[in-house]
Protein backbone atom coordinates (compact mmCIF):
# COMPACT_ATOMS: atom_id res chain seq x y z
CA MET A 1 -0.19 -0.28 0.39
CA LYS A 2 2.91 2.13 0.49
CA ALA A 3 4.17 2.25 -2.82
CA THR A 4 -0.01 3.46 -4.23
CA LEU A 5 -0.29 6.36 -1.56
CA ILE A 6 3.80 7.37 -2.57
CA LEU A 7 2.23 7.52 -6.40
CA CYS A 8 -0.84 9.33 -5.40
CA LEU A 9 0.67 11.62 -2.98
CA LEU A 10 3.25 12.56 -6.18
CA CYS A 11 0.49 13.87 -7.95
CA LEU A 12 -1.60 15.52 -5.12
CA PHE A 13 1.76 17.42 -4.92
CA THR A 14 2.57 17.91 -7.78
CA TYR A 15 -1.07 19.56 -8.48
CA ILE A 16 -0.77 21.28 -5.31
CA PHE A 17 3.13 22.94 -6.09
CA ILE A 18 1.48 23.66 -10.03
CA GLY A 19 -1.62 25.47 -8.79
CA LEU A 20 0.90 27.78 -6.34
CA ILE A 21 2.72 28.94 -9.50
CA ASN A 22 -1.00 29.76 -10.93
CA PHE A 23 -1.52 31.96 -7.74
CA PHE A 24 2.23 33.70 -7.22
CA TYR A 25 2.89 34.12 -10.89
CA SER A 26 0.15 33.79 -13.71
CA ILE A 27 -1.42 31.12 -15.84
CA GLU A 28 0.89 31.69 -18.34
CA VAL A 29 3.99 30.16 -16.81
CA VAL A 30 1.73 26.82 -15.59
CA GLU A 31 1.35 26.54 -18.98
CA GLU A 32 4.90 26.73 -20.24
CA ILE A 33 5.37 23.75 -17.40
CA VAL A 34 3.03 21.64 -18.54
CA LYS A 35 4.04 22.04 -22.22
CA PHE A 36 8.20 21.54 -21.41
CA TYR A 37 7.23 18.81 -19.06
CA GLY A 38 4.52 17.27 -20.63
CA PHE A 39 4.49 14.05 -23.02
CA SER A 40 4.86 14.67 -26.88
CA LEU A 41 6.84 13.76 -29.49
CA ASN A 42 8.72 16.84 -29.75
CA ASN A 43 9.48 16.85 -25.94
CA LEU A 44 10.70 12.95 -25.87
CA LYS A 45 13.36 13.53 -29.05
CA GLU A 46 14.87 16.64 -26.61
CA ARG A 47 13.67 15.46 -22.92
CA PRO A 48 13.76 11.63 -22.58
CA TYR A 49 12.31 12.34 -19.19
CA VAL A 50 9.02 13.71 -20.08
CA LEU A 51 8.14 9.78 -20.54
CA PHE A 52 8.08 10.25 -16.23
CA THR A 53 6.91 13.86 -15.77
CA SER A 54 4.10 13.91 -17.47
CA ILE A 55 2.74 11.13 -15.55
CA PHE A 56 2.89 13.51 -12.47
CA ILE A 57 1.08 16.80 -13.49
CA HIS A 58 -2.65 16.59 -14.17
CA GLY A 59 -4.45 19.64 -16.01
CA SER A 60 -7.77 19.77 -13.34
CA ILE A 61 -8.86 18.39 -9.84
CA GLU A 62 -11.55 16.96 -11.49
CA HIS A 63 -8.57 14.81 -13.78
CA LEU A 64 -6.80 14.32 -10.88
CA ILE A 65 -9.38 13.36 -8.11
CA SER A 66 -10.67 10.68 -10.66
CA ASN A 67 -7.17 9.31 -10.94
CA LEU A 68 -6.53 8.72 -7.38
CA LEU A 69 -9.55 7.25 -6.75
CA VAL A 70 -8.95 4.34 -9.47
CA LEU A 71 -5.15 4.22 -8.78
CA LEU A 72 -6.02 3.37 -4.55
CA PHE A 73 -9.04 1.62 -5.88
CA PHE A 74 -6.68 -0.39 -8.16
CA GLY A 75 -3.30 0.08 -7.29
CA VAL A 76 -3.67 -1.18 -3.58
CA ALA A 77 -5.34 -4.34 -5.27
CA VAL A 78 -2.39 -5.25 -7.52
CA GLU A 79 0.31 -4.19 -4.41
CA ASP A 80 -1.39 -6.08 -1.88
CA GLU A 81 -1.48 -9.10 -4.91
CA ILE A 82 1.94 -9.24 -6.18
CA GLY A 83 3.71 -6.57 -4.03
CA ALA A 84 5.67 -3.10 -4.58
CA LYS A 85 8.65 -3.55 -7.01
CA LYS A 86 6.20 -5.69 -9.41
CA MET A 87 3.33 -3.30 -8.88
CA LEU A 88 5.39 -0.20 -9.97
CA ILE A 89 7.34 -1.70 -13.38
CA ILE A 90 3.31 -2.68 -14.17
CA PHE A 91 2.15 1.31 -13.70
CA PHE A 92 5.40 3.13 -15.27
CA SER A 93 5.66 0.56 -17.92
CA GLY A 94 1.64 1.25 -18.73
CA ALA A 95 2.39 4.73 -18.32
CA ILE A 96 4.98 4.59 -20.90
CA ALA A 97 3.11 2.38 -23.30
CA GLY A 98 0.32 4.58 -23.50
CA ASP A 99 2.31 7.25 -24.12
CA LEU A 100 4.22 5.79 -27.26
CA LEU A 101 1.72 4.41 -28.52
CA SER A 102 -0.37 7.64 -28.69
CA ILE A 103 3.16 9.11 -30.71
CA LEU A 104 1.50 6.70 -33.64
CA PHE A 105 -2.10 9.29 -33.69
CA TYR A 106 -1.38 12.32 -32.42
CA PRO A 107 0.77 15.38 -34.23
CA PRO A 108 4.77 15.52 -32.91
CA GLU A 109 3.34 19.08 -31.08
CA VAL A 110 -0.22 17.55 -29.56
CA VAL A 111 1.33 17.34 -25.46
CA SER A 112 -0.18 15.03 -23.32
CA ILE A 113 -0.60 14.61 -19.12
CA GLY A 114 -1.96 12.37 -16.64
CA ALA A 115 -1.29 9.37 -14.71
CA SER A 116 -3.93 7.78 -16.67
CA ALA A 117 -2.08 5.18 -18.60
CA GLY A 118 -0.55 3.82 -15.85
CA ILE A 119 -3.84 3.90 -13.72
CA PHE A 120 -5.14 1.52 -16.58
CA ALA A 121 -2.43 -0.76 -16.24
CA LEU A 122 -3.31 -1.53 -12.82
CA VAL A 123 -7.01 -1.79 -14.09
CA GLY A 124 -6.36 -4.19 -16.44
CA PHE A 125 -3.77 -6.35 -14.10
CA GLY A 126 -6.10 -5.86 -11.12
CA MET A 127 -9.59 -6.53 -12.78
CA ILE A 128 -8.18 -9.85 -14.14
CA ILE A 129 -5.86 -10.75 -10.67
CA ARG A 130 -8.65 -9.17 -8.16
CA PRO A 131 -11.70 -9.25 -10.03
CA LEU A 132 -14.15 -10.04 -7.13
CA ASP A 133 -12.19 -7.57 -4.32
CA LEU A 134 -14.68 -4.77 -3.85
CA SER A 135 -14.27 -0.92 -3.93
CA PHE A 136 -15.86 1.67 -2.69
CA TYR A 137 -16.85 3.90 -5.95
CA PRO A 138 -19.33 6.90 -5.54
CA PRO A 139 -22.22 6.62 -7.24
CA PHE A 140 -21.90 3.19 -7.35
CA TYR A 141 -20.57 1.96 -3.75
CA ILE A 142 -19.46 -1.33 -3.31
CA ILE A 143 -18.55 -2.70 -6.82
CA PRO A 144 -16.28 -5.69 -7.58
CA LEU A 145 -12.95 -4.53 -9.10
CA GLY A 146 -13.93 -6.63 -12.23
CA LEU A 147 -16.86 -5.04 -13.03
CA LEU A 148 -15.29 -1.00 -12.21
CA GLY A 149 -12.16 -2.29 -15.09
CA ILE A 150 -15.18 -3.41 -17.89
CA LEU A 151 -17.45 -0.38 -17.05
CA TYR A 152 -14.03 1.96 -17.17
CA ALA A 153 -13.09 -0.48 -20.85
CA ILE A 154 -16.80 0.48 -22.13
CA TYR A 155 -16.48 4.45 -21.15
CA ASN A 156 -12.81 4.05 -22.62
CA THR A 157 -13.95 2.88 -26.02
CA ILE A 158 -16.61 5.00 -25.84
CA GLY A 159 -14.68 8.02 -25.67
CA PHE A 160 -12.41 7.29 -28.28
CA ILE A 161 -15.33 6.25 -30.87
CA PHE A 162 -16.95 9.55 -30.83
CA ASN A 163 -14.39 11.59 -29.37
CA VAL A 164 -14.92 12.45 -25.67
CA GLY A 165 -13.29 15.48 -24.50
CA ASN A 166 -9.41 16.61 -25.09
CA ILE A 167 -8.64 12.85 -23.36
CA SER A 168 -5.42 10.31 -24.87
CA TYR A 169 -7.86 7.47 -24.74
CA ILE A 170 -6.05 5.63 -27.29
CA ALA A 171 -2.93 6.10 -24.27
CA HIS A 172 -5.60 4.67 -21.73
CA PHE A 173 -5.70 1.03 -24.39
CA GLY A 174 -2.23 1.53 -24.48
CA GLY A 175 -1.77 1.02 -20.61
CA LEU A 176 -5.08 -1.05 -20.48
CA PHE A 177 -3.23 -3.66 -22.56
CA THR A 178 -0.17 -3.78 -20.88
CA GLY A 179 -2.04 -4.33 -17.67
CA VAL A 180 -3.42 -7.28 -19.43
CA ALA A 181 -0.06 -8.70 -20.69
CA PHE A 182 1.53 -8.64 -17.25
CA ALA A 183 -1.88 -10.45 -15.86
CA TYR A 184 -1.61 -13.37 -18.38
CA ARG A 185 1.87 -14.45 -16.44
CA HIS A 186 -0.23 -14.19 -13.24
CA LYS A 187 -1.20 -18.59 -11.78
CA ASN A 188 -4.51 -16.86 -11.09
CA TRP A 189 -5.44 -15.77 -14.84
CA LYS A 190 -7.53 -18.01 -15.81
CA LYS A 191 -9.61 -17.53 -12.95
CA GLY A 192 -9.95 -14.14 -12.99
CA LEU A 193 -10.60 -14.38 -17.25
CA LYS A 194 -13.43 -16.74 -16.30
CA ILE A 195 -15.13 -14.42 -14.09
CA ILE A 196 -14.45 -11.17 -16.31
CA LEU A 197 -16.71 -13.32 -18.94
CA PHE A 198 -19.44 -13.76 -16.67
CA MET A 199 -19.49 -10.32 -15.85
CA ILE A 200 -19.54 -9.05 -19.55
CA ILE A 201 -22.52 -12.09 -20.44
CA LEU A 202 -24.30 -10.99 -17.65
CA MET A 203 -24.40 -7.80 -18.16
CA ILE A 204 -24.89 -8.47 -21.87
CA LEU A 205 -28.00 -10.52 -20.67
CA LEU A 206 -29.67 -8.95 -16.93
CA PRO A 207 -31.69 -6.05 -19.23
CA LEU A 208 -33.16 -8.76 -21.49
CA ILE A 209 -34.80 -10.37 -18.86
CA ILE A 210 -35.32 -7.56 -17.02
CA MET A 211 -37.42 -6.71 -20.05
CA TYR A 212 -38.82 -10.02 -20.24
CA LEU A 213 -39.77 -10.04 -16.77
CA PHE A 214 -41.16 -6.36 -16.75
CA ASN A 215 -43.14 -6.81 -20.29
CA LEU A 216 -40.83 -3.83 -21.88
């Protein structure tokens, strides 16, 4: 759990630090910081470390809070399952994979920020290896990680298809597939995958059953 909390604190402190810069200086200075430390192909060529610095920068409080919630739920579960070191490997591998994949879809000057790709790697791993772990997530309250992961995958797919918001959905997919690839190496991946498939089938059939019972 310590590694997960450290990641959360790094994201939080970075947001506070940039907020203070905005307060004492100007939004223009903040924009320059984001452009300099955010990820893009142009930045990668000049400053390879943006693969890491971009992870901890978030564009809004909503962006930060939503990422921290998912990072806590899946990060704690994954860290408890495989330990801090391996959890961090999955997180950073997913973040880097997501950024590199985004190069194929966006112009070289477009800058992306946030921990979402790394978090989606934890989602991909956690939803398969610990699908029945329960988490508290408003407004769903108590929900299994497997179901939460499926909902995030659906949300990301819809966002990608309809290009909703200024979000790098393709980077999320890069992280998600990275996490699933790591899960494939775990001894419980077959059992977890069966549970995920059952949840998906249930999500498809349940509305049909309800419609049939109530003659809708």
